[in-house]
Amino acid sequence: MNTDNMRSSARGWMVQALAEFVGTAMFLYVAVGGADSVSDGLGYSASGSILARSFAFGFSLIFVSWSFFRISGSHFNPALSLSSCITGHISVVKFILYSFAQVVGGMLGVALARGTTPSSASIEQTNQLFYGESIARGFFLEFFLTAILCFVYHMTVHEKNRSTFMAALPYGITLFSCHLFATRYTNAAINPAQAFAVSIVARSFAERIFFIFIFGPLTGGIFAAGLHILFRFLDYDKYNAGIDADNLVQYRRAQDALDGHYGHHGHHGAPVAGAGPGTTPATTVGHDGLPR
């Protein structure tokens, strides 16, 4: 790599890391601020408070990640960056830059949320174990929910398809569902940068159990990476050919291409336009997608 290319790559990494810093700050500013506004004085035991908090995090992630998606991929979460590094979608250097930017951006976002409102950064608003949740249960709750969040990201962003441009929507809705589940029991970290930032700003660490909110999500991201790699190894996309087809012609073409790959004679008994050498092209295609 020549000097110009190295400078270009370094500049690109810095631009993307800046996007992760600003994006994480924006995401947690709106999410934590919204969660504080609906829970202050109510406590997270109230079902309405849990629902509103989940909306705050889910919708904040949707619009912020949609804004930064074309720049950095909108991770905003070291667990997701680690998972993406393991799957090979980002380099180790970029993972380190992203994680640092996310942690610092998270602290800025939470500090602004708490500093621009009279809400108190009470111990209730940090990550704790509630309602008899044990350390082991809390760890695996954070583990599995983060794994689900990361796997959804992998399948909607890294596995390119016609809906990839809308990936921010399932990404944010998944976070909404995760918070709806975990807020009552662990205050839903699902993001080491968020857990660290909230504790730093509140100046309160649950010392004996804080590892749950760091290593639970990180190991969940590792598990999601392994699951994604497994499905890629098994060539998952070959067994449901045509799922993204716009019409029946495209669907049959994909199915016949699959048959050709495995040496079968075809599902449909007749050639489809564009299916391969020697096929007979259809004359026209109707509005229903059928050849005429």
C-alpha atoms as a PDB file:
ATOM      1  CA  MET A   1       0.000   0.000   0.000  1.00  0.00           C
ATOM      2  CA  ASN A   2       1.480   3.351  -1.003  1.00  0.00           C
ATOM      3  CA  THR A   3       1.561   6.457   1.183  1.00  0.00           C
ATOM      4  CA  ASP A   4      -1.493   8.061  -0.454  1.00  0.00           C
ATOM      5  CA  ASN A   5      -3.576   4.924   0.054  1.00  0.00           C
ATOM      6  CA  MET A   6      -2.463   4.663   3.678  1.00  0.00           C
ATOM      7  CA  ARG A   7      -3.441   8.285   4.297  1.00  0.00           C
ATOM      8  CA  SER A   8      -6.776   7.719   2.600  1.00  0.00           C
ATOM      9  CA  SER A   9      -7.488   4.632   4.737  1.00  0.00           C
ATOM     10  CA  ALA A  10      -6.463   6.412   7.932  1.00  0.00           C
ATOM     11  CA  ARG A  11      -8.688   9.365   7.043  1.00  0.00           C
ATOM     12  CA  GLY A  12     -11.588   7.011   6.325  1.00  0.00           C
ATOM     13  CA  TRP A  13     -11.144   5.285   9.672  1.00  0.00           C
ATOM     14  CA  MET A  14     -11.117   8.618  11.470  1.00  0.00           C
ATOM     15  CA  VAL A  15     -14.249   9.795   9.656  1.00  0.00           C
ATOM     16  CA  GLN A  16     -16.046   6.575  10.569  1.00  0.00           C
ATOM     17  CA  ALA A  17     -14.827   6.704  14.166  1.00  0.00           C
ATOM     18  CA  LEU A  18     -16.059  10.311  14.369  1.00  0.00           C
ATOM     19  CA  ALA A  19     -19.453   9.148  13.109  1.00  0.00           C
ATOM     20  CA  GLU A  20     -19.554   6.484  15.825  1.00  0.00           C
ATOM     21  CA  PHE A  21     -18.612   9.073  18.449  1.00  0.00           C
ATOM     22  CA  VAL A  22     -21.248  11.612  17.376  1.00  0.00           C
ATOM     23  CA  GLY A  23     -23.863   8.944  16.662  1.00  0.00           C
ATOM     24  CA  THR A  24     -23.452   7.222  20.031  1.00  0.00           C
ATOM     25  CA  ALA A  25     -23.626  10.586  21.796  1.00  0.00           C
ATOM     26  CA  MET A  26     -26.842  11.490  19.928  1.00  0.00           C
ATOM     27  CA  PHE A  27     -28.371   8.066  20.489  1.00  0.00           C
ATOM     28  CA  LEU A  28     -27.757   7.993  24.239  1.00  0.00           C
ATOM     29  CA  TYR A  29     -28.593  11.674  24.717  1.00  0.00           C
ATOM     30  CA  VAL A  30     -32.121  11.123  23.396  1.00  0.00           C
ATOM     31  CA  ALA A  31     -32.520   7.585  24.754  1.00  0.00           C
ATOM     32  CA  VAL A  32     -31.269   8.190  28.309  1.00  0.00           C
ATOM     33  CA  GLY A  33     -32.932  11.606  28.470  1.00  0.00           C
ATOM     34  CA  GLY A  34     -36.224  10.122  27.356  1.00  0.00           C
ATOM     35  CA  ALA A  35     -35.901   7.223  29.781  1.00  0.00           C
ATOM     36  CA  ASP A  36     -35.163   9.625  32.650  1.00  0.00           C
ATOM     37  CA  SER A  37     -38.148  11.808  31.815  1.00  0.00           C
ATOM     38  CA  VAL A  38     -40.636   8.948  31.984  1.00  0.00           C
ATOM     39  CA  SER A  39     -39.106   7.083  34.933  1.00  0.00           C
ATOM     40  CA  ASP A  40     -38.008   9.818  37.327  1.00  0.00           C
ATOM     41  CA  GLY A  41     -40.163   9.495  40.422  1.00  0.00           C
ATOM     42  CA  LEU A  42     -42.003   6.482  39.002  1.00  0.00           C
ATOM     43  CA  GLY A  43     -39.367   3.769  39.080  1.00  0.00           C
ATOM     44  CA  TYR A  44     -38.981   1.066  36.472  1.00  0.00           C
ATOM     45  CA  SER A  45     -41.482  -1.165  38.243  1.00  0.00           C
ATOM     46  CA  ALA A  46     -44.319   0.697  36.544  1.00  0.00           C
ATOM     47  CA  SER A  47     -45.281  -1.072  33.306  1.00  0.00           C
ATOM     48  CA  GLY A  48     -45.967   2.229  31.573  1.00  0.00           C
ATOM     49  CA  SER A  49     -42.502   3.443  32.519  1.00  0.00           C
ATOM     50  CA  ILE A  50     -40.887   0.310  31.056  1.00  0.00           C
ATOM     51  CA  LEU A  51     -42.824   0.660  27.812  1.00  0.00           C
ATOM     52  CA  ALA A  52     -41.962   4.347  27.473  1.00  0.00           C
ATOM     53  CA  ARG A  53     -38.291   3.684  28.235  1.00  0.00           C
ATOM     54  CA  SER A  54     -38.231   0.950  25.584  1.00  0.00           C
ATOM     55  CA  PHE A  55     -39.715   3.346  23.043  1.00  0.00           C
ATOM     56  CA  ALA A  56     -37.085   5.957  23.981  1.00  0.00           C
ATOM     57  CA  PHE A  57     -34.203   3.584  23.259  1.00  0.00           C
ATOM     58  CA  GLY A  58     -35.727   1.850  20.245  1.00  0.00           C
ATOM     59  CA  PHE A  59     -36.831   4.965  18.377  1.00  0.00           C
ATOM     60  CA  SER A  60     -33.662   6.863  19.219  1.00  0.00           C
ATOM     61  CA  LEU A  61     -31.629   4.048  17.682  1.00  0.00           C
ATOM     62  CA  ILE A  62     -33.841   3.979  14.579  1.00  0.00           C
ATOM     63  CA  PHE A  63     -33.475   7.606  13.562  1.00  0.00           C
ATOM     64  CA  VAL A  64     -29.851   8.060  14.646  1.00  0.00           C
ATOM     65  CA  SER A  65     -28.639   4.833  13.020  1.00  0.00           C
ATOM     66  CA  TRP A  66     -30.544   5.677   9.840  1.00  0.00           C
ATOM     67  CA  SER A  67     -28.657   8.998   9.747  1.00  0.00           C
ATOM     68  CA  PHE A  68     -25.156   7.539  10.162  1.00  0.00           C
ATOM     69  CA  PHE A  69     -25.645   4.199   8.385  1.00  0.00           C
ATOM     70  CA  ARG A  70     -23.872   5.258   5.175  1.00  0.00           C
ATOM     71  CA  ILE A  71     -20.871   6.591   7.098  1.00  0.00           C
ATOM     72  CA  SER A  72     -19.935   3.983   9.678  1.00  0.00           C
ATOM     73  CA  GLY A  73     -22.638   1.317   9.660  1.00  0.00           C
ATOM     74  CA  SER A  74     -24.175   2.750  12.836  1.00  0.00           C
ATOM     75  CA  HIS A  75     -22.890   0.291  15.425  1.00  0.00           C
ATOM     76  CA  PHE A  76     -22.981   2.523  18.548  1.00  0.00           C
ATOM     77  CA  ASN A  77     -22.217  -0.600  20.577  1.00  0.00           C
ATOM     78  CA  PRO A  78     -18.804  -2.241  21.262  1.00  0.00           C
ATOM     79  CA  ALA A  79     -20.479  -5.664  21.408  1.00  0.00           C
ATOM     80  CA  LEU A  80     -21.715  -5.242  17.827  1.00  0.00           C
ATOM     81  CA  SER A  81     -18.331  -3.906  16.702  1.00  0.00           C
ATOM     82  CA  LEU A  82     -16.615  -6.938  18.254  1.00  0.00           C
ATOM     83  CA  SER A  83     -19.115  -9.231  16.573  1.00  0.00           C
ATOM     84  CA  SER A  84     -18.515  -7.510  13.208  1.00  0.00           C
ATOM     85  CA  CYS A  85     -14.761  -7.811  13.683  1.00  0.00           C
ATOM     86  CA  ILE A  86     -15.051 -11.562  14.256  1.00  0.00           C
ATOM     87  CA  THR A  87     -17.193 -12.003  11.133  1.00  0.00           C
ATOM     88  CA  GLY A  88     -14.592 -10.070   9.146  1.00  0.00           C
ATOM     89  CA  HIS A  89     -16.712  -7.039   8.298  1.00  0.00           C
ATOM     90  CA  ILE A  90     -14.422  -4.600  10.077  1.00  0.00           C
ATOM     91  CA  SER A  91     -10.715  -4.796  10.912  1.00  0.00           C
ATOM     92  CA  VAL A  92      -9.191  -5.059  14.374  1.00  0.00           C
ATOM     93  CA  VAL A  93      -7.941  -1.478  14.104  1.00  0.00           C
ATOM     94  CA  LYS A  94     -11.399  -0.223  13.202  1.00  0.00           C
ATOM     95  CA  PHE A  95     -12.909  -2.223  16.072  1.00  0.00           C
ATOM     96  CA  ILE A  96     -10.549  -0.502  18.527  1.00  0.00           C
ATOM     97  CA  LEU A  97     -11.297   2.942  17.075  1.00  0.00           C
ATOM     98  CA  TYR A  98     -15.041   2.285  17.045  1.00  0.00           C
ATOM     99  CA  SER A  99     -15.091   1.010  20.631  1.00  0.00           C
ATOM    100  CA  PHE A 100     -13.119   3.977  21.950  1.00  0.00           C
ATOM    101  CA  ALA A 101     -15.358   6.403  20.056  1.00  0.00           C
ATOM    102  CA  GLN A 102     -18.505   4.674  21.338  1.00  0.00           C
ATOM    103  CA  VAL A 103     -17.418   4.749  24.975  1.00  0.00           C
ATOM    104  CA  VAL A 104     -16.393   8.425  24.854  1.00  0.00           C
ATOM    105  CA  GLY A 105     -19.462   9.363  22.811  1.00  0.00           C
ATOM    106  CA  GLY A 106     -21.657   7.463  25.256  1.00  0.00           C
ATOM    107  CA  MET A 107     -20.256   9.379  28.207  1.00  0.00           C
ATOM    108  CA  LEU A 108     -20.864  12.664  26.390  1.00  0.00           C
ATOM    109  CA  GLY A 109     -24.435  11.730  25.499  1.00  0.00           C
ATOM    110  CA  VAL A 110     -25.379  10.597  28.996  1.00  0.00           C
ATOM    111  CA  ALA A 111     -23.654  13.607  30.590  1.00  0.00           C
ATOM    112  CA  LEU A 112     -25.577  15.976  28.306  1.00  0.00           C
ATOM    113  CA  ALA A 113     -28.852  14.178  29.035  1.00  0.00           C
ATOM    114  CA  ARG A 114     -28.319  14.498  32.770  1.00  0.00           C
ATOM    115  CA  GLY A 115     -26.764  17.952  32.550  1.00  0.00           C
ATOM    116  CA  THR A 116     -29.495  19.620  30.499  1.00  0.00           C
ATOM    117  CA  THR A 117     -32.364  18.392  32.693  1.00  0.00           C
ATOM    118  CA  PRO A 118     -33.093  18.381  36.431  1.00  0.00           C
ATOM    119  CA  SER A 119     -33.375  14.585  36.403  1.00  0.00           C
ATOM    120  CA  SER A 120     -31.206  12.978  39.044  1.00  0.00           C
ATOM    121  CA  ALA A 121     -28.671  10.330  38.054  1.00  0.00           C
ATOM    122  CA  SER A 122     -29.868   8.095  40.828  1.00  0.00           C
ATOM    123  CA  ILE A 123     -28.777   4.549  41.529  1.00  0.00           C
ATOM    124  CA  GLU A 124     -32.086   3.365  40.041  1.00  0.00           C
ATOM    125  CA  GLN A 125     -31.028   4.650  36.647  1.00  0.00           C
ATOM    126  CA  THR A 126     -27.791   2.667  36.478  1.00  0.00           C
ATOM    127  CA  ASN A 127     -27.615  -1.025  35.681  1.00  0.00           C
ATOM    128  CA  GLN A 128     -28.532  -3.161  38.676  1.00  0.00           C
ATOM    129  CA  LEU A 129     -30.257  -6.480  39.349  1.00  0.00           C
ATOM    130  CA  PHE A 130     -33.910  -6.151  40.360  1.00  0.00           C
ATOM    131  CA  TYR A 131     -36.819  -8.421  41.356  1.00  0.00           C
ATOM    132  CA  GLY A 132     -34.639 -11.245  42.621  1.00  0.00           C
ATOM    133  CA  GLU A 133     -32.631 -11.550  39.400  1.00  0.00           C
ATOM    134  CA  SER A 134     -29.514 -13.587  40.194  1.00  0.00           C
ATOM    135  CA  ILE A 135     -26.039 -12.848  38.857  1.00  0.00           C
ATOM    136  CA  ALA A 136     -26.111 -15.867  36.536  1.00  0.00           C
ATOM    137  CA  ARG A 137     -29.576 -15.055  35.207  1.00  0.00           C
ATOM    138  CA  GLY A 138     -28.642 -11.418  34.733  1.00  0.00           C
ATOM    139  CA  PHE A 139     -25.502 -12.363  32.822  1.00  0.00           C
ATOM    140  CA  PHE A 140     -27.312 -14.697  30.453  1.00  0.00           C
ATOM    141  CA  LEU A 141     -30.184 -12.264  29.982  1.00  0.00           C
ATOM    142  CA  GLU A 142     -27.696  -9.646  28.773  1.00  0.00           C
ATOM    143  CA  PHE A 143     -25.860 -12.332  26.789  1.00  0.00           C
ATOM    144  CA  PHE A 144     -28.845 -13.640  24.841  1.00  0.00           C
ATOM    145  CA  LEU A 145     -30.503 -10.300  24.167  1.00  0.00           C
ATOM    146  CA  THR A 146     -27.255  -8.811  22.852  1.00  0.00           C
ATOM    147  CA  ALA A 147     -26.725 -11.906  20.712  1.00  0.00           C
ATOM    148  CA  ILE A 148     -30.180 -11.454  19.193  1.00  0.00           C
ATOM    149  CA  LEU A 149     -29.550  -7.750  18.544  1.00  0.00           C
ATOM    150  CA  CYS A 150     -26.209  -8.467  16.853  1.00  0.00           C
ATOM    151  CA  PHE A 151     -27.569 -11.349  14.790  1.00  0.00           C
ATOM    152  CA  VAL A 152     -30.429  -9.201  13.502  1.00  0.00           C
ATOM    153  CA  TYR A 153     -27.865  -6.592  12.489  1.00  0.00           C
ATOM    154  CA  HIS A 154     -25.713  -9.174  10.685  1.00  0.00           C
ATOM    155  CA  MET A 155     -28.646 -10.585   8.733  1.00  0.00           C
ATOM    156  CA  THR A 156     -30.112  -7.233   7.722  1.00  0.00           C
ATOM    157  CA  VAL A 157     -26.911  -5.237   7.132  1.00  0.00           C
ATOM    158  CA  HIS A 158     -24.060  -7.605   6.324  1.00  0.00           C
ATOM    159  CA  GLU A 159     -26.230 -10.028   4.343  1.00  0.00           C
ATOM    160  CA  LYS A 160     -27.155  -7.689   1.506  1.00  0.00           C
ATOM    161  CA  ASN A 161     -30.727  -7.802   0.241  1.00  0.00           C
ATOM    162  CA  ARG A 162     -33.443  -5.439  -0.940  1.00  0.00           C
ATOM    163  CA  SER A 163     -34.327  -4.412   2.610  1.00  0.00           C
ATOM    164  CA  THR A 164     -30.784  -3.528   3.712  1.00  0.00           C
ATOM    165  CA  PHE A 165     -31.420   0.182   3.218  1.00  0.00           C
ATOM    166  CA  MET A 166     -34.131  -0.113   5.904  1.00  0.00           C
ATOM    167  CA  ALA A 167     -31.887  -1.976   8.358  1.00  0.00           C
ATOM    168  CA  ALA A 168     -32.226   0.794  10.925  1.00  0.00           C
ATOM    169  CA  LEU A 169     -35.863  -0.203  11.404  1.00  0.00           C
ATOM    170  CA  PRO A 170     -35.372  -3.842  12.516  1.00  0.00           C
ATOM    171  CA  TYR A 171     -32.236  -2.783  14.398  1.00  0.00           C
ATOM    172  CA  GLY A 172     -34.158  -0.241  16.477  1.00  0.00           C
ATOM    173  CA  ILE A 173     -37.257  -2.406  16.909  1.00  0.00           C
ATOM    174  CA  THR A 174     -35.076  -5.254  18.173  1.00  0.00           C
ATOM    175  CA  LEU A 175     -33.526  -2.933  20.754  1.00  0.00           C
ATOM    176  CA  PHE A 176     -37.035  -1.830  21.738  1.00  0.00           C
ATOM    177  CA  SER A 177     -38.019  -5.469  22.326  1.00  0.00           C
ATOM    178  CA  CYS A 178     -34.821  -6.174  24.278  1.00  0.00           C
ATOM    179  CA  HIS A 179     -35.441  -3.224  26.603  1.00  0.00           C
ATOM    180  CA  LEU A 180     -39.065  -4.221  27.015  1.00  0.00           C
ATOM    181  CA  PHE A 181     -37.844  -7.609  28.251  1.00  0.00           C
ATOM    182  CA  ALA A 182     -34.781  -6.696  30.331  1.00  0.00           C
ATOM    183  CA  THR A 183     -35.506  -3.287  31.891  1.00  0.00           C
ATOM    184  CA  ARG A 184     -37.383  -4.795  34.835  1.00  0.00           C
ATOM    185  CA  TYR A 185     -34.531  -7.177  35.686  1.00  0.00           C
ATOM    186  CA  THR A 186     -31.191  -5.541  34.727  1.00  0.00           C
ATOM    187  CA  ASN A 187     -32.196  -2.075  33.547  1.00  0.00           C
ATOM    188  CA  ALA A 188     -31.237  -3.369  30.071  1.00  0.00           C
ATOM    189  CA  ALA A 189     -27.619  -2.561  29.292  1.00  0.00           C
ATOM    190  CA  ILE A 190     -27.195  -4.653  26.111  1.00  0.00           C
ATOM    191  CA  ASN A 191     -24.350  -2.253  25.303  1.00  0.00           C
ATOM    192  CA  PRO A 192     -21.070  -1.949  27.261  1.00  0.00           C
ATOM    193  CA  ALA A 193     -20.630   1.690  26.204  1.00  0.00           C
ATOM    194  CA  GLN A 194     -24.048   2.575  27.620  1.00  0.00           C
ATOM    195  CA  ALA A 195     -23.501   0.663  30.874  1.00  0.00           C
ATOM    196  CA  PHE A 196     -20.088   2.270  31.424  1.00  0.00           C
ATOM    197  CA  ALA A 197     -21.276   5.775  30.493  1.00  0.00           C
ATOM    198  CA  VAL A 198     -24.322   5.689  32.763  1.00  0.00           C
ATOM    199  CA  SER A 199     -22.243   4.465  35.708  1.00  0.00           C
ATOM    200  CA  ILE A 200     -19.484   7.037  35.128  1.00  0.00           C
ATOM    201  CA  VAL A 201     -21.934   9.941  34.972  1.00  0.00           C
ATOM    202  CA  ALA A 202     -23.850   8.655  38.011  1.00  0.00           C
ATOM    203  CA  ARG A 203     -20.522   8.035  39.816  1.00  0.00           C
ATOM    204  CA  SER A 204     -21.913   4.729  40.934  1.00  0.00           C
ATOM    205  CA  PHE A 205     -20.671   1.266  39.984  1.00  0.00           C
ATOM    206  CA  ALA A 206     -22.281  -1.954  41.117  1.00  0.00           C
ATOM    207  CA  GLU A 207     -18.807  -3.307  41.791  1.00  0.00           C
ATOM    208  CA  ARG A 208     -19.667  -6.932  42.460  1.00  0.00           C
ATOM    209  CA  ILE A 209     -21.940  -7.333  39.449  1.00  0.00           C
ATOM    210  CA  PHE A 210     -20.754  -4.676  36.997  1.00  0.00           C
ATOM    211  CA  PHE A 211     -18.987  -7.314  34.865  1.00  0.00           C
ATOM    212  CA  ILE A 212     -22.453  -8.604  33.893  1.00  0.00           C
ATOM    213  CA  PHE A 213     -23.157  -5.447  31.909  1.00  0.00           C
ATOM    214  CA  ILE A 214     -19.788  -5.474  30.149  1.00  0.00           C
ATOM    215  CA  PHE A 215     -18.963  -9.122  29.520  1.00  0.00           C
ATOM    216  CA  GLY A 216     -22.563 -10.284  29.099  1.00  0.00           C
ATOM    217  CA  PRO A 217     -23.074  -8.148  25.972  1.00  0.00           C
ATOM    218  CA  LEU A 218     -19.536  -8.761  24.660  1.00  0.00           C
ATOM    219  CA  THR A 219     -19.852 -12.543  24.862  1.00  0.00           C
ATOM    220  CA  GLY A 220     -23.323 -12.246  23.341  1.00  0.00           C
ATOM    221  CA  GLY A 221     -21.757 -10.451  20.390  1.00  0.00           C
ATOM    222  CA  ILE A 222     -19.199 -13.258  20.039  1.00  0.00           C
ATOM    223  CA  PHE A 223     -21.997 -15.842  20.050  1.00  0.00           C
ATOM    224  CA  ALA A 224     -23.919 -13.906  17.360  1.00  0.00           C
ATOM    225  CA  ALA A 225     -20.782 -13.788  15.211  1.00  0.00           C
ATOM    226  CA  GLY A 226     -20.376 -17.551  15.527  1.00  0.00           C
ATOM    227  CA  LEU A 227     -24.017 -18.107  14.584  1.00  0.00           C
ATOM    228  CA  HIS A 228     -23.696 -15.853  11.554  1.00  0.00           C
ATOM    229  CA  ILE A 229     -20.499 -17.602  10.440  1.00  0.00           C
ATOM    230  CA  LEU A 230     -22.219 -20.975  10.854  1.00  0.00           C
ATOM    231  CA  PHE A 231     -25.122 -20.028   8.587  1.00  0.00           C
ATOM    232  CA  ARG A 232     -22.714 -18.629   5.995  1.00  0.00           C
ATOM    233  CA  PHE A 233     -20.678 -21.853   6.155  1.00  0.00           C
ATOM    234  CA  LEU A 234     -23.881 -23.840   5.577  1.00  0.00           C
ATOM    235  CA  ASP A 235     -24.704 -21.654   2.519  1.00  0.00           C
ATOM    236  CA  TYR A 236     -28.073 -20.733   3.991  1.00  0.00           C
ATOM    237  CA  ASP A 237     -28.956 -18.501   1.043  1.00  0.00           C
ATOM    238  CA  LYS A 238     -29.026 -21.423  -1.412  1.00  0.00           C
ATOM    239  CA  TYR A 239     -32.010 -23.164   0.169  1.00  0.00           C
ATOM    240  CA  ASN A 240     -34.651 -20.478  -0.171  1.00  0.00           C
ATOM    241  CA  ALA A 241     -33.837 -19.176  -3.635  1.00  0.00           C
ATOM    242  CA  GLY A 242     -35.950 -16.340  -4.981  1.00  0.00           C
ATOM    243  CA  ILE A 243     -37.048 -15.034  -1.594  1.00  0.00           C
ATOM    244  CA  ASP A 244     -36.233 -11.479  -2.761  1.00  0.00           C
ATOM    245  CA  ALA A 245     -37.856 -11.903  -6.184  1.00  0.00           C
ATOM    246  CA  ASP A 246     -40.069  -9.079  -7.436  1.00  0.00           C
ATOM    247  CA  ASN A 247     -42.287 -11.394  -9.485  1.00  0.00           C
ATOM    248  CA  LEU A 248     -42.898 -15.018 -10.345  1.00  0.00           C
ATOM    249  CA  VAL A 249     -40.492 -14.995 -13.294  1.00  0.00           C
ATOM    250  CA  GLN A 250     -37.602 -13.976 -11.063  1.00  0.00           C
ATOM    251  CA  TYR A 251     -38.647 -16.534  -8.475  1.00  0.00           C
ATOM    252  CA  ARG A 252     -38.707 -19.394 -11.001  1.00  0.00           C
ATOM    253  CA  ARG A 253     -35.404 -18.258 -12.489  1.00  0.00           C
ATOM    254  CA  ALA A 254     -33.796 -18.424  -9.045  1.00  0.00           C
ATOM    255  CA  GLN A 255     -35.344 -21.842  -8.361  1.00  0.00           C
ATOM    256  CA  ASP A 256     -34.098 -23.242 -11.685  1.00  0.00           C
ATOM    257  CA  ALA A 257     -30.638 -21.824 -11.044  1.00  0.00           C
ATOM    258  CA  LEU A 258     -30.678 -23.652  -7.724  1.00  0.00           C
ATOM    259  CA  ASP A 259     -31.743 -26.870  -9.454  1.00  0.00           C
ATOM    260  CA  GLY A 260     -28.903 -26.453 -11.933  1.00  0.00           C
ATOM    261  CA  HIS A 261     -26.438 -25.963  -9.084  1.00  0.00           C
ATOM    262  CA  TYR A 262     -27.477 -29.279  -7.496  1.00  0.00           C
ATOM    263  CA  GLY A 263     -27.863 -31.147 -10.803  1.00  0.00           C
ATOM    264  CA  HIS A 264     -31.659 -31.537 -10.767  1.00  0.00           C
ATOM    265  CA  HIS A 265     -33.977 -31.240 -13.756  1.00  0.00           C
ATOM    266  CA  GLY A 266     -35.934 -28.239 -12.571  1.00  0.00           C
ATOM    267  CA  HIS A 267     -39.103 -27.709 -10.586  1.00  0.00           C
ATOM    268  CA  HIS A 268     -41.259 -26.398 -13.327  1.00  0.00           C
ATOM    269  CA  GLY A 269     -40.690 -28.622 -16.364  1.00  0.00           C
ATOM    270  CA  ALA A 270     -40.132 -25.666 -18.710  1.00  0.00           C
ATOM    271  CA  PRO A 271     -37.324 -23.184 -19.258  1.00  0.00           C
ATOM    272  CA  VAL A 272     -37.626 -19.721 -17.792  1.00  0.00           C
ATOM    273  CA  ALA A 273     -36.426 -16.532 -19.439  1.00  0.00           C
ATOM    274  CA  GLY A 274     -32.826 -15.855 -18.553  1.00  0.00           C
ATOM    275  CA  ALA A 275     -32.386 -19.073 -16.554  1.00  0.00           C
ATOM    276  CA  GLY A 276     -29.265 -20.086 -18.459  1.00  0.00           C
ATOM    277  CA  PRO A 277     -27.841 -21.149 -21.834  1.00  0.00           C
ATOM    278  CA  GLY A 278     -30.327 -22.758 -24.154  1.00  0.00           C
ATOM    279  CA  THR A 279     -33.421 -21.368 -22.484  1.00  0.00           C
ATOM    280  CA  THR A 280     -36.350 -20.084 -24.503  1.00  0.00           C
ATOM    281  CA  PRO A 281     -37.070 -16.442 -23.686  1.00  0.00           C
ATOM    282  CA  ALA A 282     -40.607 -15.494 -22.761  1.00  0.00           C
ATOM    283  CA  THR A 283     -42.199 -12.952 -25.067  1.00  0.00           C
ATOM    284  CA  THR A 284     -43.668 -10.594 -22.487  1.00  0.00           C
ATOM    285  CA  VAL A 285     -44.300 -10.435 -18.767  1.00  0.00           C
ATOM    286  CA  GLY A 286     -47.720  -9.532 -17.444  1.00  0.00           C
ATOM    287  CA  HIS A 287     -48.543  -7.372 -14.442  1.00  0.00           C
ATOM    288  CA  ASP A 288     -48.841 -10.513 -12.335  1.00  0.00           C
ATOM    289  CA  GLY A 289     -45.273 -11.523 -13.153  1.00  0.00           C
ATOM    290  CA  LEU A 290     -46.307 -14.464 -15.367  1.00  0.00           C
ATOM    291  CA  PRO A 291     -44.710 -14.995 -18.791  1.00  0.00           C
ATOM    292  CA  ARG A 292     -47.149 -14.528 -21.728  1.00  0.00           C
END
